[in-house]
Amino acid sequence: MKEKNKLIAEFMDMQLTDIGWYDSEGVLSLGYTGDNTFDDLLFHTSWDWLMPVVGKIESLGYDVIINGEWCNIHSVELEDDICDISIKGKINAVYIAVVEFIKWFNENKE
């Protein structure tokens, strides 16, 4: 789980510092924490953490479709599915799809 969360954090341009993970862009917008440095990464358990990642993927031109315990990330440009995940737990499906997408994206970016 730690490595997958680290992969997501790096995709979101967060940086590991001496005092924790720093969200310099403020993408998490977790106003209730009053801070933008985090000891723990909670992408796997919190929609507040995971949905900004979905938003970034969509901003890159990919479709993210979430339906029940299924998540599909599709490239309109390539006319192909990047990942298609169906697993117990809606947040689990989205989390795994996001991780698979980021792995694919990192291997295929120019």
Protein backbone atom coordinates (compact mmCIF):
# COMPACT_ATOMS: atom_id res chain seq x y z
CA MET A 1 0.00 0.00 0.00
CA LYS A 2 2.82 2.41 0.88
CA GLU A 3 4.47 2.13 -2.53
CA LYS A 4 1.17 2.62 -4.36
CA ASN A 5 0.36 5.71 -2.28
CA LYS A 6 3.88 7.03 -2.94
CA LEU A 7 3.33 6.52 -6.68
CA ILE A 8 0.11 8.53 -6.50
CA ALA A 9 1.69 11.26 -4.37
CA GLU A 10 4.50 11.70 -6.91
CA PHE A 11 1.95 11.82 -9.76
CA MET A 12 0.18 14.58 -7.83
CA ASP A 13 3.50 16.49 -7.56
CA MET A 14 3.71 16.03 -3.79
CA GLN A 15 7.22 16.01 -2.34
CA LEU A 16 8.59 14.01 0.56
CA THR A 17 10.28 16.34 3.05
CA ASP A 18 11.78 15.92 6.50
CA ILE A 19 8.39 16.69 8.04
CA GLY A 20 6.21 14.58 5.72
CA TRP A 21 4.55 14.72 2.32
CA TYR A 22 4.22 18.31 1.15
CA ASP A 23 1.33 19.26 -1.15
CA SER A 24 2.84 22.43 -2.64
CA GLU A 25 0.03 22.78 -5.18
CA GLY A 26 -2.69 22.46 -2.54
CA VAL A 27 -4.49 19.91 -4.70
CA LEU A 28 -5.89 18.01 -1.76
CA SER A 29 -7.71 21.08 -0.45
CA LEU A 30 -8.22 19.45 2.92
CA GLY A 31 -9.31 22.62 4.68
CA TYR A 32 -10.20 20.73 7.84
CA THR A 33 -6.53 19.87 8.46
CA GLY A 34 -5.29 23.45 8.26
CA ASP A 35 -2.05 22.15 6.79
CA ASN A 36 -0.60 20.91 3.51
CA THR A 37 2.01 18.54 4.94
CA PHE A 38 0.95 15.00 5.80
CA ASP A 39 2.58 12.18 7.76
CA ASP A 40 0.38 9.52 6.17
CA LEU A 41 -0.90 9.19 2.63
CA LEU A 42 -4.57 8.20 2.59
CA PHE A 43 -5.34 7.75 -1.10
CA HIS A 44 -6.48 4.16 -0.43
CA THR A 45 -9.04 5.07 2.25
CA SER A 46 -10.31 8.60 1.58
CA TRP A 47 -12.42 9.98 -1.24
CA ASP A 48 -11.11 13.44 -0.25
CA TRP A 49 -7.65 12.22 -1.26
CA LEU A 50 -8.58 10.04 -4.22
CA MET A 51 -10.97 12.29 -6.15
CA PRO A 52 -8.38 15.03 -6.86
CA VAL A 53 -6.31 12.28 -8.51
CA VAL A 54 -9.31 11.34 -10.66
CA GLY A 55 -9.67 15.02 -11.52
CA LYS A 56 -6.04 15.27 -12.61
CA ILE A 57 -6.38 12.17 -14.80
CA GLU A 58 -9.46 13.69 -16.44
CA SER A 59 -7.61 17.00 -16.93
CA LEU A 60 -5.02 15.08 -18.94
CA GLY A 61 -7.74 14.05 -21.41
CA TYR A 62 -8.77 10.63 -20.13
CA ASP A 63 -12.28 9.49 -19.22
CA VAL A 64 -12.73 8.03 -15.75
CA ILE A 65 -15.95 6.07 -15.39
CA ILE A 66 -17.00 4.91 -11.92
CA ASN A 67 -20.05 2.70 -11.57
CA GLY A 68 -20.61 0.74 -8.39
CA GLU A 69 -17.57 -1.45 -7.76
CA TRP A 70 -16.18 -0.90 -11.26
CA CYS A 71 -13.79 1.73 -12.60
CA ASN A 72 -12.65 2.22 -16.17
CA ILE A 73 -10.06 4.70 -17.42
CA HIS A 74 -10.30 5.25 -21.15
CA SER A 75 -8.20 7.14 -23.66
CA VAL A 76 -10.36 8.88 -26.25
CA GLU A 77 -7.24 9.67 -28.29
CA LEU A 78 -6.10 6.04 -28.37
CA GLU A 79 -9.68 4.74 -28.50
CA ASP A 80 -8.71 2.17 -25.90
CA ASP A 81 -9.17 1.32 -22.26
CA ILE A 82 -6.09 1.95 -20.13
CA CYS A 83 -7.53 -0.07 -17.26
CA ASP A 84 -10.79 -1.75 -16.40
CA ILE A 85 -11.09 -2.77 -12.75
CA SER A 86 -13.96 -4.55 -11.04
CA ILE A 87 -13.32 -5.43 -7.40
CA LYS A 88 -15.19 -5.44 -4.11
CA GLY A 89 -15.46 -1.94 -2.70
CA LYS A 90 -15.98 1.16 -4.80
CA ILE A 91 -12.98 3.02 -3.38
CA ASN A 92 -10.82 -0.09 -3.90
CA ALA A 93 -11.81 -0.27 -7.57
CA VAL A 94 -11.04 3.41 -8.15
CA TYR A 95 -7.78 3.24 -6.18
CA ILE A 96 -6.49 0.23 -8.12
CA ALA A 97 -7.55 1.76 -11.44
CA VAL A 98 -5.73 5.00 -10.56
CA VAL A 99 -2.57 3.09 -9.63
CA GLU A 100 -2.70 1.05 -12.85
CA PHE A 101 -3.27 4.20 -14.89
CA ILE A 102 -0.31 6.00 -13.28
CA LYS A 103 1.98 3.02 -13.96
CA TRP A 104 0.84 3.02 -17.60
CA PHE A 105 1.14 6.81 -17.86
CA ASN A 106 4.68 6.84 -16.45
CA GLU A 107 5.75 4.16 -18.93
CA ASN A 108 4.14 5.90 -21.91
CA LYS A 109 4.71 9.61 -21.36
CA GLU A 110 7.10 11.34 -23.69
